[in-house]
Amino acid sequence: MTALLHRPPAPITEVDLSAWSIGAPRLLAGLQTAARLDHRAHLATHGPLPGSDLERVLAHLDGGPIAGRGGAGFPLATKIRSLAAGRRHVVVNGTESEPASRKDRVLLHRAPHLVLDGALALANAVGTQHVAVAVHDEPTARSVRAATAERTDARRVRVVVVAGGFVGGEARAVVRALRGGPALPTGRRTPPTADGTLVANVESVAQLAVLLRLGPHRFAETGTPDEPGTTLLTVGGAVGRPGVVEIPIGTPLGIVLTAAHAADPQAVVVGGYHGSWVAPLAQIRMSRAGLASAGATLGAGVVLVLGHDTCALGELARVSDWLAGESARQCGPCRFGLPALAADVAALAAGPAPGLGSAVVHARAVAGRGAGAHPKGAARFVTSGLHLLHDENDAHLRGGCGRPVLGQLPVGGPR
């Protein structure tokens, strides 16, 4: 397990940093014609950042609320208000541990000054000189360091490469790593804000920079009344146009799939590997409320399409096994429950084996338990897949579906 958490980073050339938009881009503005916006190009595209005192930041966030874009969806204004007094720190979480996610890397490589704007605005608002950007790979760190060198107001920003691994991207794990410990969640569930540390995802702070420039009313001109603005999705799998796409919140899934050139998908994974499997229904709205009504979550903003040419149950088994290997091994559900669940899914995929009941029992046993969020998220991913793939389960009970496993759901990924 130690080796999994400290695998060497892959070259950044292996990471797809292509980006496009549905509707007018905000976060990705200027990237249609430029590979990267340096500070001069950034200011020409977005203009100067207005003042960012605490009253102004909170007023803007109350008028144009920003939910965390890292997976948990926790409101940024609530984090600020719950920040403990005393010495404070701002941490921008750019670790992006989801194997299929590229949205934070796109921002950090191609629009890094939008991220720095938001980070510095938060630091000014909460009254701290301590700002850190945490990433998993050295090429991304070099990109952010180059951006800080292009401006005079970012000298207080520290860029730190922390150990990789799926659970290493959780906020408490990142803070622990920055303090010299292992990149693993702590056993206690106290949020970092209780210790004076404000952790925000890369896209969240970039969205704050957009909000401060536009103001709440213009910010809400796109999106939904409850969830204004845009969001970034990483689209992959069986699509002809993979990459990062910026969409108005609430855009129907069908429009996203059509724009990504997804031909006749059999299933879609939404939210990453702590997310859910959903049927490719065109009317599902890509918002937290819209996805909740479909039994899913926006999570880390990942949309993975499975075509009819791959064995979907085999894809589920691959990811289940990977999730079991990526656990922190700090509690019973991680050490024993997730491997048992992965073994159940592998037996189902191998077929014929009546292991569905056992898989459901193991999933229920690990959900909501453990030292971190990993067991619950992994159980949700697996159970939603088994539920959606009931016809596939029946085919495997009869001897198999006859399709190969093409690896349309990536595992591992750049570190």
Protein backbone atom coordinates (compact mmCIF):
# COMPACT_ATOMS: atom_id res chain seq x y z
CA MET A 1 0.00 0.00 0.00
CA THR A 2 2.88 2.37 0.69
CA ALA A 3 4.04 1.98 -2.89
CA LEU A 4 0.60 2.94 -4.15
CA LEU A 5 0.61 6.12 -2.13
CA HIS A 6 4.07 7.16 -3.34
CA ARG A 7 4.14 6.17 -7.01
CA PRO A 8 6.34 8.44 -9.16
CA PRO A 9 4.54 11.15 -11.11
CA ALA A 10 3.79 10.55 -14.77
CA PRO A 11 5.12 13.08 -17.29
CA ILE A 12 2.62 15.85 -17.85
CA THR A 13 2.71 15.09 -21.57
CA GLU A 14 0.63 12.02 -20.73
CA VAL A 15 -2.17 14.20 -19.38
CA ASP A 16 -4.80 15.51 -21.78
CA LEU A 17 -5.13 19.25 -21.11
CA SER A 18 -7.55 20.01 -23.95
CA ALA A 19 -10.45 22.25 -22.97
CA TRP A 20 -13.61 23.62 -24.58
CA SER A 21 -16.93 25.06 -23.52
CA ILE A 22 -20.67 24.85 -24.02
CA GLY A 23 -21.82 28.45 -24.01
CA ALA A 24 -19.62 31.42 -23.23
CA PRO A 25 -16.54 30.42 -21.21
CA ARG A 26 -15.64 32.10 -17.95
CA LEU A 27 -12.96 29.99 -16.28
CA LEU A 28 -11.65 28.95 -19.70
CA ALA A 29 -11.92 32.39 -21.30
CA GLY A 30 -8.97 33.10 -23.57
CA LEU A 31 -7.90 29.47 -23.85
CA GLN A 32 -9.56 28.98 -27.22
CA THR A 33 -6.57 30.68 -28.85
CA ALA A 34 -3.83 30.34 -26.21
CA ALA A 35 -2.18 27.31 -24.67
CA ARG A 36 -1.55 29.27 -21.47
CA LEU A 37 -2.40 32.74 -20.19
CA ASP A 38 0.60 34.49 -18.67
CA HIS A 39 -0.10 37.35 -16.26
CA ARG A 40 -0.34 39.99 -18.97
CA ALA A 41 -2.70 37.89 -21.09
CA HIS A 42 -4.69 37.00 -17.98
CA LEU A 43 -5.28 40.67 -17.13
CA ALA A 44 -6.16 41.44 -20.75
CA THR A 45 -8.74 38.63 -20.68
CA HIS A 46 -10.23 39.01 -17.21
CA GLY A 47 -9.27 42.50 -16.07
CA PRO A 48 -7.86 43.45 -12.65
CA LEU A 49 -9.19 41.80 -9.52
CA PRO A 50 -11.36 44.11 -7.34
CA GLY A 51 -10.82 44.49 -3.62
CA SER A 52 -11.21 41.37 -1.51
CA ASP A 53 -11.82 42.33 2.10
CA LEU A 54 -13.87 39.92 4.20
CA GLU A 55 -17.12 41.88 3.95
CA ARG A 56 -16.93 42.08 0.17
CA VAL A 57 -16.00 38.41 -0.30
CA LEU A 58 -18.82 37.18 1.92
CA ALA A 59 -21.35 39.53 0.33
CA HIS A 60 -20.44 38.20 -3.10
CA LEU A 61 -20.54 34.59 -1.95
CA ASP A 62 -23.94 35.13 -0.32
CA GLY A 63 -25.26 36.61 -3.55
CA GLY A 64 -23.57 34.10 -5.86
CA PRO A 65 -22.96 31.02 -3.72
CA ILE A 66 -20.08 28.74 -4.69
CA ALA A 67 -20.21 25.14 -3.55
CA GLY A 68 -16.90 23.37 -3.29
CA ARG A 69 -15.84 21.85 -6.61
CA GLY A 70 -13.56 19.20 -5.14
CA GLY A 71 -16.23 16.58 -4.47
CA ALA A 72 -17.87 17.34 -1.13
CA GLY A 73 -19.73 20.40 -2.41
CA PHE A 74 -19.34 22.31 0.88
CA PRO A 75 -20.21 26.04 0.50
CA LEU A 76 -17.14 28.27 0.46
CA ALA A 77 -18.86 30.99 2.53
CA THR A 78 -19.65 28.47 5.27
CA LYS A 79 -15.99 27.43 5.40
CA ILE A 80 -14.91 31.05 5.79
CA ARG A 81 -17.42 31.73 8.57
CA SER A 82 -16.42 28.57 10.46
CA LEU A 83 -12.70 29.35 10.35
CA ALA A 84 -11.21 29.38 13.83
CA ALA A 85 -9.60 32.53 15.15
CA GLY A 86 -5.85 32.85 15.57
CA ARG A 87 -3.17 31.99 13.07
CA ARG A 88 -4.81 31.11 9.80
CA HIS A 89 -3.77 29.37 6.60
CA VAL A 90 -5.25 29.12 3.12
CA VAL A 91 -4.61 25.88 1.25
CA VAL A 92 -5.55 25.45 -2.40
CA ASN A 93 -6.10 21.74 -2.98
CA GLY A 94 -4.81 20.95 -6.46
CA THR A 95 -3.97 17.32 -5.81
CA GLU A 96 -6.78 16.04 -8.06
CA SER A 97 -6.54 12.40 -7.00
CA GLU A 98 -9.46 11.19 -9.14
CA PRO A 99 -7.79 9.16 -11.93
CA ALA A 100 -10.02 10.55 -14.68
CA SER A 101 -10.12 14.17 -13.53
CA ARG A 102 -8.14 16.84 -15.40
CA LYS A 103 -10.07 20.05 -14.64
CA ASP A 104 -7.79 21.30 -11.88
CA ARG A 105 -4.68 20.55 -13.91
CA VAL A 106 -6.13 22.45 -16.86
CA LEU A 107 -6.57 25.51 -14.64
CA LEU A 108 -3.17 25.19 -12.98
CA HIS A 109 -1.35 24.72 -16.29
CA ARG A 110 -3.34 26.94 -18.61
CA ALA A 111 -5.03 29.59 -16.41
CA PRO A 112 -2.94 29.60 -13.21
CA HIS A 113 -3.46 33.31 -12.50
CA LEU A 114 -7.19 32.85 -12.06
CA VAL A 115 -6.39 30.33 -9.33
CA LEU A 116 -3.83 32.64 -7.72
CA ASP A 117 -6.33 35.51 -7.82
CA GLY A 118 -8.86 33.47 -5.87
CA ALA A 119 -6.29 32.18 -3.40
CA LEU A 120 -4.95 35.65 -2.66
CA ALA A 121 -8.49 37.02 -2.35
CA LEU A 122 -9.24 34.39 0.27
CA ALA A 123 -6.00 35.13 2.11
CA ASN A 124 -6.81 38.85 2.19
CA ALA A 125 -10.34 38.15 3.39
CA VAL A 126 -9.33 35.93 6.30
CA GLY A 127 -6.23 37.96 7.18
CA THR A 128 -3.32 35.63 6.53
CA GLN A 129 0.01 35.70 4.75
CA HIS A 130 0.15 31.89 4.70
CA VAL A 131 -0.98 30.51 1.34
CA ALA A 132 -0.09 27.07 -0.01
CA VAL A 133 -0.97 25.35 -3.27
CA ALA A 134 -0.76 21.56 -2.90
CA VAL A 135 -0.30 19.39 -6.00
CA HIS A 136 0.67 15.78 -6.70
CA ASP A 137 3.17 16.23 -9.54
CA GLU A 138 6.24 18.35 -10.19
CA PRO A 139 5.20 19.61 -13.68
CA THR A 140 2.06 21.18 -12.20
CA ALA A 141 4.13 22.66 -9.38
CA ARG A 142 6.50 24.22 -11.92
CA SER A 143 3.57 25.80 -13.75
CA VAL A 144 2.24 27.43 -10.58
CA ARG A 145 5.70 28.57 -9.48
CA ALA A 146 6.23 30.16 -12.88
CA ALA A 147 2.95 32.02 -12.49
CA THR A 148 3.88 33.32 -9.02
CA ALA A 149 7.13 34.63 -10.48
CA GLU A 150 5.17 36.64 -13.06
CA ARG A 151 3.49 38.84 -10.43
CA THR A 152 4.57 40.81 -7.39
CA ASP A 153 1.64 39.98 -5.10
CA ALA A 154 2.16 36.20 -4.99
CA ARG A 155 5.46 35.98 -3.13
CA ARG A 156 3.66 34.59 -0.08
CA VAL A 157 2.33 31.62 -2.09
CA ARG A 158 4.09 28.34 -1.34
CA VAL A 159 3.76 25.51 -3.88
CA VAL A 160 4.16 22.03 -2.39
CA VAL A 161 4.23 18.60 -4.01
CA VAL A 162 2.58 16.08 -1.68
CA ALA A 163 2.37 12.30 -2.02
CA GLY A 164 -0.14 10.88 -4.47
CA GLY A 165 -2.85 8.31 -4.01
CA PHE A 166 -6.64 8.44 -4.16
CA VAL A 167 -7.24 9.18 -0.48
CA GLY A 168 -4.30 11.61 -0.45
CA GLY A 169 -6.49 14.25 -2.06
CA GLU A 170 -8.92 14.44 0.86
CA ALA A 171 -8.68 17.82 2.63
CA ARG A 172 -7.50 16.45 5.97
CA ALA A 173 -4.92 14.26 4.21
CA VAL A 174 -3.55 17.27 2.33
CA VAL A 175 -3.24 19.35 5.50
CA ARG A 176 -1.56 16.43 7.25
CA ALA A 177 0.94 16.09 4.40
CA LEU A 178 1.70 19.83 4.43
CA ARG A 179 2.52 19.51 8.13
CA GLY A 180 5.03 16.76 7.45
CA GLY A 181 2.86 13.71 8.06
CA PRO A 182 1.66 11.00 5.68
CA ALA A 183 -0.85 11.94 2.95
CA LEU A 184 -3.64 10.02 4.67
CA PRO A 185 -6.85 11.19 6.34
CA THR A 186 -6.68 11.48 10.10
CA GLY A 187 -8.85 9.25 12.24
CA ARG A 188 -10.78 12.21 13.64
CA ARG A 189 -13.47 13.92 11.61
CA THR A 190 -12.71 17.47 12.78
CA PRO A 191 -12.61 19.77 9.73
CA PRO A 192 -9.42 21.74 8.98
CA THR A 193 -11.28 25.00 9.66
CA ALA A 194 -11.34 24.09 13.36
CA ASP A 195 -7.55 24.51 13.33
CA GLY A 196 -7.64 27.76 11.35
CA THR A 197 -6.95 26.20 7.94
CA LEU A 198 -9.19 27.00 5.00
CA VAL A 199 -8.88 24.30 2.31
CA ALA A 200 -10.48 25.06 -1.04
CA ASN A 201 -10.39 23.22 -4.35
CA VAL A 202 -8.63 24.78 -7.36
CA GLU A 203 -11.84 25.34 -9.29
CA SER A 204 -13.54 26.82 -6.22
CA VAL A 205 -10.95 29.58 -5.84
CA ALA A 206 -10.94 30.24 -9.60
CA GLN A 207 -14.73 30.60 -9.44
CA LEU A 208 -14.30 33.12 -6.62
CA ALA A 209 -12.00 35.18 -8.85
CA VAL A 210 -14.71 35.18 -11.54
CA LEU A 211 -17.44 36.06 -9.04
CA LEU A 212 -15.50 39.02 -7.61
CA ARG A 213 -15.06 40.44 -11.11
CA LEU A 214 -18.60 39.87 -12.35
CA GLY A 215 -20.54 40.53 -9.17
CA PRO A 216 -23.42 38.31 -7.98
CA HIS A 217 -25.98 39.51 -10.56
CA ARG A 218 -23.85 38.95 -13.65
CA PHE A 219 -22.47 35.75 -12.16
CA ALA A 220 -26.05 34.43 -11.91
CA GLU A 221 -26.89 35.21 -15.53
CA THR A 222 -26.02 31.59 -16.30
CA GLY A 223 -26.66 28.44 -14.33
CA THR A 224 -29.76 27.77 -12.24
CA PRO A 225 -31.44 29.99 -9.61
CA ASP A 226 -30.18 27.75 -6.81
CA GLU A 227 -26.78 27.06 -8.38
CA PRO A 228 -25.59 30.03 -10.41
CA GLY A 229 -22.57 30.07 -12.67
CA THR A 230 -20.65 27.50 -14.64
CA THR A 231 -18.73 24.38 -13.71
CA LEU A 232 -15.97 22.29 -15.22
CA LEU A 233 -16.43 18.66 -16.20
CA THR A 234 -13.77 16.18 -17.24
CA VAL A 235 -15.34 14.05 -19.97
CA GLY A 236 -13.76 10.75 -20.96
CA GLY A 237 -14.28 7.10 -21.76
CA ALA A 238 -16.08 6.18 -24.98
CA VAL A 239 -16.22 9.70 -26.44
CA GLY A 240 -14.78 11.22 -29.57
CA ARG A 241 -13.95 14.52 -27.87
CA PRO A 242 -12.41 13.92 -24.45
CA GLY A 243 -11.17 16.76 -22.29
CA VAL A 244 -12.35 19.43 -19.89
CA VAL A 245 -15.55 21.26 -20.76
CA GLU A 246 -17.03 24.33 -19.05
CA ILE A 247 -20.83 24.24 -18.93
CA PRO A 248 -23.60 26.36 -17.46
CA ILE A 249 -24.76 24.57 -14.32
CA GLY A 250 -27.97 22.73 -15.14
CA THR A 251 -27.00 21.81 -18.71
CA PRO A 252 -28.75 18.53 -19.68
CA LEU A 253 -26.55 15.45 -19.79
CA GLY A 254 -27.70 14.79 -23.34
CA ILE A 255 -26.15 18.04 -24.55
CA VAL A 256 -22.85 17.19 -22.83
CA LEU A 257 -22.80 13.71 -24.37
CA THR A 258 -23.62 15.01 -27.84
CA ALA A 259 -20.96 17.72 -27.63
CA ALA A 260 -18.42 15.11 -26.49
CA HIS A 261 -19.32 12.88 -29.46
CA ALA A 262 -20.52 9.99 -27.31
CA ALA A 263 -22.16 7.47 -29.63
CA ASP A 264 -24.89 5.28 -28.09
CA PRO A 265 -23.53 4.93 -24.53
CA GLN A 266 -24.72 2.05 -22.35
CA ALA A 267 -23.94 3.78 -19.04
CA VAL A 268 -22.36 6.91 -17.59
CA VAL A 269 -20.27 7.30 -14.44
CA VAL A 270 -20.84 10.73 -12.91
CA GLY A 271 -18.81 12.29 -10.10
CA GLY A 272 -15.76 10.05 -10.25
CA TYR A 273 -15.05 6.89 -8.28
CA HIS A 274 -16.92 8.12 -5.23
CA GLY A 275 -19.78 8.99 -7.55
CA SER A 276 -22.50 6.94 -9.21
CA TRP A 277 -23.47 5.02 -12.31
CA VAL A 278 -26.47 6.45 -14.17
CA ALA A 279 -28.38 5.56 -17.28
CA PRO A 280 -27.53 7.88 -20.22
CA LEU A 281 -30.77 9.82 -19.92
CA ALA A 282 -30.63 13.05 -21.91
CA GLN A 283 -32.87 14.97 -19.49
CA ILE A 284 -30.64 14.62 -16.40
CA ARG A 285 -29.52 18.10 -15.38
CA MET A 286 -25.86 18.58 -14.58
CA SER A 287 -26.38 20.32 -11.27
CA ARG A 288 -26.27 19.05 -7.73
CA ALA A 289 -30.05 19.16 -7.47
CA GLY A 290 -30.57 17.63 -10.90
CA LEU A 291 -28.15 14.79 -10.27
CA ALA A 292 -29.56 14.16 -6.80
CA SER A 293 -32.96 13.56 -8.39
CA ALA A 294 -31.29 10.90 -10.54
CA GLY A 295 -29.63 9.29 -7.52
CA ALA A 296 -26.20 10.70 -8.32
CA THR A 297 -23.82 13.47 -7.28
CA LEU A 298 -21.67 15.96 -9.17
CA GLY A 299 -18.72 14.95 -7.00
CA ALA A 300 -15.39 15.75 -8.62
CA GLY A 301 -17.00 16.81 -11.91
CA VAL A 302 -16.13 13.65 -13.85
CA VAL A 303 -18.32 12.23 -16.64
CA LEU A 304 -17.13 8.87 -17.98
CA VAL A 305 -19.01 7.20 -20.81
CA LEU A 306 -19.13 3.44 -21.31
CA GLY A 307 -19.84 2.19 -24.81
CA HIS A 308 -21.61 -1.03 -25.73
CA ASP A 309 -18.31 -2.50 -26.90
CA THR A 310 -16.89 -3.00 -23.39
CA CYS A 311 -17.93 -5.31 -20.57
CA ALA A 312 -19.40 -2.85 -18.09
CA LEU A 313 -19.33 -5.34 -15.22
CA GLY A 314 -15.67 -6.01 -15.96
CA GLU A 315 -15.02 -2.26 -15.89
CA LEU A 316 -16.75 -2.07 -12.50
CA ALA A 317 -14.61 -4.95 -11.23
CA ARG A 318 -11.38 -3.21 -12.35
CA VAL A 319 -12.26 -0.01 -10.51
CA SER A 320 -13.52 -1.87 -7.43
CA ASP A 321 -10.19 -3.67 -7.16
CA TRP A 322 -8.30 -0.39 -7.63
CA LEU A 323 -10.39 1.34 -4.95
CA ALA A 324 -9.65 -1.47 -2.50
CA GLY A 325 -5.93 -1.03 -3.16
CA GLU A 326 -6.11 2.74 -2.71
CA SER A 327 -7.55 2.62 0.81
CA ALA A 328 -5.66 4.05 3.77
CA ARG A 329 -5.73 0.65 5.54
CA GLN A 330 -6.39 2.45 8.82
CA CYS A 331 -9.69 0.79 9.74
CA GLY A 332 -11.59 -2.45 9.32
CA PRO A 333 -13.83 -1.33 6.43
CA CYS A 334 -10.75 -0.30 4.42
CA ARG A 335 -8.55 -3.26 5.34
CA PHE A 336 -11.14 -6.00 5.02
CA GLY A 337 -14.46 -4.68 3.74
CA LEU A 338 -13.33 -3.09 0.47
CA PRO A 339 -11.16 -6.06 -0.62
CA ALA A 340 -14.07 -8.40 0.12
CA LEU A 341 -16.40 -6.18 -1.91
CA ALA A 342 -13.92 -6.10 -4.81
CA ALA A 343 -13.64 -9.89 -4.70
CA ASP A 344 -17.44 -10.19 -4.90
CA VAL A 345 -17.60 -7.95 -7.98
CA ALA A 346 -14.71 -9.82 -9.60
CA ALA A 347 -16.58 -13.10 -9.06
CA LEU A 348 -19.70 -11.63 -10.64
CA ALA A 349 -17.71 -10.46 -13.65
CA ALA A 350 -16.01 -13.84 -14.02
CA GLY A 351 -19.42 -15.63 -13.84
CA PRO A 352 -21.29 -17.74 -13.39
CA ALA A 353 -21.21 -17.10 -9.64
CA PRO A 354 -24.19 -16.12 -7.45
CA GLY A 355 -22.29 -13.38 -5.59
CA LEU A 356 -24.63 -10.41 -5.92
CA GLY A 357 -26.13 -10.85 -2.46
CA SER A 358 -22.68 -11.07 -0.90
CA ALA A 359 -21.59 -7.87 -2.69
CA VAL A 360 -24.62 -5.98 -1.40
CA VAL A 361 -23.98 -7.22 2.16
CA HIS A 362 -20.32 -6.15 2.04
CA ALA A 363 -21.23 -2.76 0.57
CA ARG A 364 -23.71 -2.09 3.35
CA ALA A 365 -21.13 -3.15 5.92
CA VAL A 366 -18.56 -0.56 4.82
CA ALA A 367 -20.88 2.35 3.92
CA GLY A 368 -20.81 5.10 6.50
CA ARG A 369 -18.03 3.48 8.51
CA GLY A 370 -14.30 3.94 8.70
CA ALA A 371 -11.85 6.71 9.49
CA GLY A 372 -12.47 8.63 6.25
CA ALA A 373 -14.94 9.02 3.40
CA HIS A 374 -13.38 6.34 1.22
CA PRO A 375 -15.41 3.29 2.31
CA LYS A 376 -18.74 5.09 1.91
CA GLY A 377 -17.79 6.59 -1.46
CA ALA A 378 -16.48 3.29 -2.81
CA ALA A 379 -19.59 1.44 -1.64
CA ARG A 380 -21.83 4.00 -3.35
CA PHE A 381 -19.90 3.62 -6.59
CA VAL A 382 -20.11 -0.18 -6.52
CA THR A 383 -23.75 -0.51 -5.45
CA SER A 384 -24.97 2.05 -7.99
CA GLY A 385 -23.09 0.13 -10.69
CA LEU A 386 -24.54 -3.23 -9.65
CA HIS A 387 -28.02 -1.73 -9.56
CA LEU A 388 -27.74 -0.18 -13.03
CA LEU A 389 -26.12 -3.26 -14.55
CA HIS A 390 -28.75 -5.80 -13.49
CA ASP A 391 -29.15 -7.09 -17.07
CA GLU A 392 -25.38 -7.43 -17.31
CA ASN A 393 -25.36 -9.37 -14.03
CA ASP A 394 -27.94 -11.79 -15.47
CA ALA A 395 -25.84 -12.26 -18.61
CA HIS A 396 -22.78 -13.11 -16.55
CA LEU A 397 -24.75 -15.55 -14.44
CA ARG A 398 -25.57 -17.33 -17.69
CA GLY A 399 -21.89 -17.46 -18.66
CA GLY A 400 -20.81 -13.94 -19.61
CA CYS A 401 -21.61 -11.05 -21.95
CA GLY A 402 -18.94 -11.96 -24.53
CA ARG A 403 -17.42 -8.47 -24.57
CA PRO A 404 -13.81 -7.61 -23.64
CA VAL A 405 -12.87 -5.15 -20.91
CA LEU A 406 -11.49 -2.16 -22.82
CA GLY A 407 -10.46 -0.03 -19.85
CA GLN A 408 -12.85 2.83 -20.61
CA LEU A 409 -12.81 3.62 -16.88
CA PRO A 410 -9.19 4.62 -16.20
CA VAL A 411 -7.39 3.58 -13.04
CA GLY A 412 -4.07 4.80 -11.71
CA GLY A 413 -3.51 7.95 -13.68
CA PRO A 414 -0.88 10.68 -13.39
CA ARG A 415 0.67 11.31 -9.99
